[in-house]
């Protein structure tokens, strides 16, 4: 069983059809037997992503509400949640000093490293579709997966 840390740019692909959705659905299928981890901050980020699409007219309000309900069910039953801590924020600050990252991206990447430190035996894979964030993760020697790229 593989362990995948889903950064929000990848996570949203489970709810909104865009390049990489099929790969994310395969990765998240029960048949694949993978464990999926999200940072507690993802609840705000995915809400923001869906509401932005709603405001832009890309999805209807009722659909956005349904997608948020689906995410909440998954967060409670399917996903493991990495908690945001002061130590994680310290790690994010250090990442910002080393890489040109936005604050939430640094927090997401620090969440991955915090998980990796605590897990030990089953190292996670950082799943992300943001190229700048992927470059920073690779520079920090993290195993990465961009679901938008062909398998």
C-alpha atoms as a PDB file:
ATOM      1  CA  UNK A   1       0.000   0.000   0.000  1.00  0.00           C
ATOM      2  CA  UNK A   2       1.432   3.355  -1.067  1.00  0.00           C
ATOM      3  CA  UNK A   3       1.115   6.579   0.907  1.00  0.00           C
ATOM      4  CA  UNK A   4       0.335   9.785  -0.997  1.00  0.00           C
ATOM      5  CA  UNK A   5       0.305  13.319   0.395  1.00  0.00           C
ATOM      6  CA  UNK A   6      -2.180  15.307  -1.698  1.00  0.00           C
ATOM      7  CA  UNK A   7      -1.348  18.993  -2.057  1.00  0.00           C
ATOM      8  CA  UNK A   8      -4.427  21.014  -2.997  1.00  0.00           C
ATOM      9  CA  UNK A   9      -3.562  21.485  -6.698  1.00  0.00           C
ATOM     10  CA  UNK A  10      -3.755  17.684  -7.005  1.00  0.00           C
ATOM     11  CA  UNK A  11      -6.580  17.201  -4.501  1.00  0.00           C
ATOM     12  CA  UNK A  12      -8.950  19.482  -6.415  1.00  0.00           C
ATOM     13  CA  UNK A  13      -8.626  17.152  -9.421  1.00  0.00           C
ATOM     14  CA  UNK A  14     -10.682  14.599  -7.486  1.00  0.00           C
ATOM     15  CA  UNK A  15     -13.616  17.033  -7.523  1.00  0.00           C
ATOM     16  CA  UNK A  16     -13.234  19.134 -10.677  1.00  0.00           C
ATOM     17  CA  UNK A  17     -12.518  17.607 -14.070  1.00  0.00           C
ATOM     18  CA  UNK A  18      -9.247  18.985 -15.400  1.00  0.00           C
ATOM     19  CA  UNK A  19      -5.964  17.553 -16.701  1.00  0.00           C
ATOM     20  CA  UNK A  20      -4.858  14.908 -14.215  1.00  0.00           C
ATOM     21  CA  UNK A  21      -8.320  13.999 -12.930  1.00  0.00           C
ATOM     22  CA  UNK A  22      -8.250  10.447 -14.300  1.00  0.00           C
ATOM     23  CA  UNK A  23      -4.860   9.781 -12.752  1.00  0.00           C
ATOM     24  CA  UNK A  24      -6.042  11.130  -9.381  1.00  0.00           C
ATOM     25  CA  UNK A  25      -9.209   9.029  -9.525  1.00  0.00           C
ATOM     26  CA  UNK A  26      -7.094   5.929 -10.216  1.00  0.00           C
ATOM     27  CA  UNK A  27      -4.752   6.788  -7.346  1.00  0.00           C
ATOM     28  CA  UNK A  28      -7.700   7.371  -4.969  1.00  0.00           C
ATOM     29  CA  UNK A  29      -9.761   4.341  -5.980  1.00  0.00           C
ATOM     30  CA  UNK A  30     -10.439   1.806  -3.256  1.00  0.00           C
ATOM     31  CA  UNK A  31      -9.092  -0.886  -5.592  1.00  0.00           C
ATOM     32  CA  UNK A  32      -5.678   0.829  -5.620  1.00  0.00           C
ATOM     33  CA  UNK A  33      -5.528   0.464  -1.831  1.00  0.00           C
ATOM     34  CA  UNK A  34      -3.523   3.647  -1.339  1.00  0.00           C
ATOM     35  CA  UNK A  35      -3.526   5.794   1.784  1.00  0.00           C
ATOM     36  CA  UNK A  36      -4.193   9.464   1.084  1.00  0.00           C
ATOM     37  CA  UNK A  37      -3.112  12.294   3.367  1.00  0.00           C
ATOM     38  CA  UNK A  38      -4.189  15.927   3.271  1.00  0.00           C
ATOM     39  CA  UNK A  39      -3.096  18.850   5.403  1.00  0.00           C
ATOM     40  CA  UNK A  40      -5.831  20.273   7.643  1.00  0.00           C
ATOM     41  CA  UNK A  41      -5.360  23.542   5.718  1.00  0.00           C
ATOM     42  CA  UNK A  42      -6.729  21.798   2.600  1.00  0.00           C
ATOM     43  CA  UNK A  43     -10.297  22.392   3.805  1.00  0.00           C
ATOM     44  CA  UNK A  44      -9.770  26.138   3.301  1.00  0.00           C
ATOM     45  CA  UNK A  45      -7.786  25.799   0.088  1.00  0.00           C
ATOM     46  CA  UNK A  46     -10.264  23.472  -1.638  1.00  0.00           C
ATOM     47  CA  UNK A  47     -13.178  25.671  -0.578  1.00  0.00           C
ATOM     48  CA  UNK A  48     -11.338  28.658  -2.065  1.00  0.00           C
ATOM     49  CA  UNK A  49     -10.631  26.793  -5.318  1.00  0.00           C
ATOM     50  CA  UNK A  50     -14.245  25.677  -5.722  1.00  0.00           C
ATOM     51  CA  UNK A  51     -15.751  29.045  -4.803  1.00  0.00           C
ATOM     52  CA  UNK A  52     -13.404  30.798  -7.278  1.00  0.00           C
ATOM     53  CA  UNK A  53     -14.673  28.485 -10.011  1.00  0.00           C
ATOM     54  CA  UNK A  54     -18.243  29.168  -8.916  1.00  0.00           C
ATOM     55  CA  UNK A  55     -17.723  32.946  -9.035  1.00  0.00           C
ATOM     56  CA  UNK A  56     -16.121  32.626 -12.467  1.00  0.00           C
ATOM     57  CA  UNK A  57     -19.226  30.790 -13.718  1.00  0.00           C
ATOM     58  CA  UNK A  58     -17.353  27.533 -14.328  1.00  0.00           C
ATOM     59  CA  UNK A  59     -19.545  25.566 -11.898  1.00  0.00           C
ATOM     60  CA  UNK A  60     -22.989  26.198 -10.455  1.00  0.00           C
ATOM     61  CA  UNK A  61     -23.426  27.036  -6.781  1.00  0.00           C
ATOM     62  CA  UNK A  62     -25.331  23.812  -6.068  1.00  0.00           C
ATOM     63  CA  UNK A  63     -22.524  21.779  -7.654  1.00  0.00           C
ATOM     64  CA  UNK A  64     -19.888  23.619  -5.605  1.00  0.00           C
ATOM     65  CA  UNK A  65     -21.906  22.855  -2.468  1.00  0.00           C
ATOM     66  CA  UNK A  66     -22.146  19.161  -3.427  1.00  0.00           C
ATOM     67  CA  UNK A  67     -18.400  18.988  -4.101  1.00  0.00           C
ATOM     68  CA  UNK A  68     -17.630  20.573  -0.736  1.00  0.00           C
ATOM     69  CA  UNK A  69     -19.921  18.058   0.972  1.00  0.00           C
ATOM     70  CA  UNK A  70     -18.107  15.237  -0.841  1.00  0.00           C
ATOM     71  CA  UNK A  71     -14.750  16.604   0.253  1.00  0.00           C
ATOM     72  CA  UNK A  72     -15.961  16.821   3.861  1.00  0.00           C
ATOM     73  CA  UNK A  73     -17.111  13.173   3.764  1.00  0.00           C
ATOM     74  CA  UNK A  74     -13.748  12.142   2.343  1.00  0.00           C
ATOM     75  CA  UNK A  75     -11.902  14.228   4.936  1.00  0.00           C
ATOM     76  CA  UNK A  76     -13.800  12.451   7.702  1.00  0.00           C
ATOM     77  CA  UNK A  77     -13.605   8.925   6.322  1.00  0.00           C
ATOM     78  CA  UNK A  78     -11.172   8.455   3.446  1.00  0.00           C
ATOM     79  CA  UNK A  79      -8.288  10.857   4.000  1.00  0.00           C
ATOM     80  CA  UNK A  80      -5.815  10.908   6.821  1.00  0.00           C
ATOM     81  CA  UNK A  81      -5.295  14.473   8.039  1.00  0.00           C
ATOM     82  CA  UNK A  82      -1.906  16.010   8.774  1.00  0.00           C
ATOM     83  CA  UNK A  83      -2.398  18.572  11.531  1.00  0.00           C
ATOM     84  CA  UNK A  84      -1.000  22.080  11.268  1.00  0.00           C
ATOM     85  CA  UNK A  85       1.458  22.680  14.154  1.00  0.00           C
ATOM     86  CA  UNK A  86       3.928  25.350  15.229  1.00  0.00           C
ATOM     87  CA  UNK A  87       6.797  23.042  14.239  1.00  0.00           C
ATOM     88  CA  UNK A  88       5.269  22.664  10.782  1.00  0.00           C
ATOM     89  CA  UNK A  89       5.056  26.459  10.467  1.00  0.00           C
ATOM     90  CA  UNK A  90       8.734  26.701  11.448  1.00  0.00           C
ATOM     91  CA  UNK A  91       9.521  24.206   8.686  1.00  0.00           C
ATOM     92  CA  UNK A  92       7.491  26.255   6.215  1.00  0.00           C
ATOM     93  CA  UNK A  93       9.433  29.383   7.179  1.00  0.00           C
ATOM     94  CA  UNK A  94      12.691  27.578   6.494  1.00  0.00           C
ATOM     95  CA  UNK A  95      11.388  26.432   3.098  1.00  0.00           C
ATOM     96  CA  UNK A  96      10.496  30.027   2.188  1.00  0.00           C
ATOM     97  CA  UNK A  97      14.071  31.020   3.003  1.00  0.00           C
ATOM     98  CA  UNK A  98      15.396  28.384   0.566  1.00  0.00           C
ATOM     99  CA  UNK A  99      12.811  28.537  -2.240  1.00  0.00           C
ATOM    100  CA  UNK A 100      10.584  31.115  -3.948  1.00  0.00           C
ATOM    101  CA  UNK A 101       7.370  29.695  -2.504  1.00  0.00           C
ATOM    102  CA  UNK A 102       4.036  31.263  -1.640  1.00  0.00           C
ATOM    103  CA  UNK A 103       3.154  30.933   2.046  1.00  0.00           C
ATOM    104  CA  UNK A 104       0.471  28.236   1.705  1.00  0.00           C
ATOM    105  CA  UNK A 105       2.654  26.258  -0.704  1.00  0.00           C
ATOM    106  CA  UNK A 106       5.485  26.276   1.825  1.00  0.00           C
ATOM    107  CA  UNK A 107       3.050  25.150   4.528  1.00  0.00           C
ATOM    108  CA  UNK A 108       1.837  22.294   2.315  1.00  0.00           C
ATOM    109  CA  UNK A 109       5.385  21.155   1.592  1.00  0.00           C
ATOM    110  CA  UNK A 110       6.324  21.424   5.264  1.00  0.00           C
ATOM    111  CA  UNK A 111       3.269  19.275   6.040  1.00  0.00           C
ATOM    112  CA  UNK A 112       4.633  16.622   3.719  1.00  0.00           C
ATOM    113  CA  UNK A 113       8.037  16.678   5.430  1.00  0.00           C
ATOM    114  CA  UNK A 114       6.423  16.543   8.859  1.00  0.00           C
ATOM    115  CA  UNK A 115       4.461  13.473   7.771  1.00  0.00           C
ATOM    116  CA  UNK A 116       7.559  11.869   6.291  1.00  0.00           C
ATOM    117  CA  UNK A 117       9.404  12.351   9.582  1.00  0.00           C
ATOM    118  CA  UNK A 118       6.647  10.730  11.642  1.00  0.00           C
ATOM    119  CA  UNK A 119       5.757   7.869   9.273  1.00  0.00           C
ATOM    120  CA  UNK A 120       9.167   6.273   8.897  1.00  0.00           C
ATOM    121  CA  UNK A 121       8.520   2.858   7.352  1.00  0.00           C
ATOM    122  CA  UNK A 122       6.229   3.833   4.465  1.00  0.00           C
ATOM    123  CA  UNK A 123       7.623   7.053   2.953  1.00  0.00           C
ATOM    124  CA  UNK A 124       4.967   9.226   1.310  1.00  0.00           C
ATOM    125  CA  UNK A 125       4.922  10.657  -2.209  1.00  0.00           C
ATOM    126  CA  UNK A 126       4.205  14.378  -2.635  1.00  0.00           C
ATOM    127  CA  UNK A 127       1.361  14.696  -5.177  1.00  0.00           C
ATOM    128  CA  UNK A 128       1.115  18.157  -6.686  1.00  0.00           C
ATOM    129  CA  UNK A 129       0.318  19.855  -9.998  1.00  0.00           C
ATOM    130  CA  UNK A 130       2.052  23.173  -9.252  1.00  0.00           C
ATOM    131  CA  UNK A 131       5.364  23.165 -11.140  1.00  0.00           C
ATOM    132  CA  UNK A 132       7.133  25.688  -8.916  1.00  0.00           C
ATOM    133  CA  UNK A 133       6.148  23.767  -5.800  1.00  0.00           C
ATOM    134  CA  UNK A 134       7.218  20.485  -7.421  1.00  0.00           C
ATOM    135  CA  UNK A 135      10.647  21.961  -8.198  1.00  0.00           C
ATOM    136  CA  UNK A 136      11.065  22.966  -4.545  1.00  0.00           C
ATOM    137  CA  UNK A 137       9.958  19.495  -3.392  1.00  0.00           C
ATOM    138  CA  UNK A 138      12.423  17.820  -5.756  1.00  0.00           C
ATOM    139  CA  UNK A 139      15.217  20.161  -4.597  1.00  0.00           C
ATOM    140  CA  UNK A 140      14.455  18.948  -1.052  1.00  0.00           C
ATOM    141  CA  UNK A 141      14.754  15.312  -2.252  1.00  0.00           C
ATOM    142  CA  UNK A 142      11.047  14.515  -1.955  1.00  0.00           C
ATOM    143  CA  UNK A 143       9.555  11.826  -4.194  1.00  0.00           C
ATOM    144  CA  UNK A 144       6.961  13.610  -6.314  1.00  0.00           C
ATOM    145  CA  UNK A 145       4.059  12.821  -8.624  1.00  0.00           C
ATOM    146  CA  UNK A 146       2.474  15.346 -10.967  1.00  0.00           C
ATOM    147  CA  UNK A 147      -0.925  13.851 -11.882  1.00  0.00           C
ATOM    148  CA  UNK A 148      -1.207  16.225 -14.847  1.00  0.00           C
ATOM    149  CA  UNK A 149       1.653  14.478 -16.644  1.00  0.00           C
ATOM    150  CA  UNK A 150       1.056  11.351 -18.680  1.00  0.00           C
ATOM    151  CA  UNK A 151       1.671   8.173 -16.730  1.00  0.00           C
END
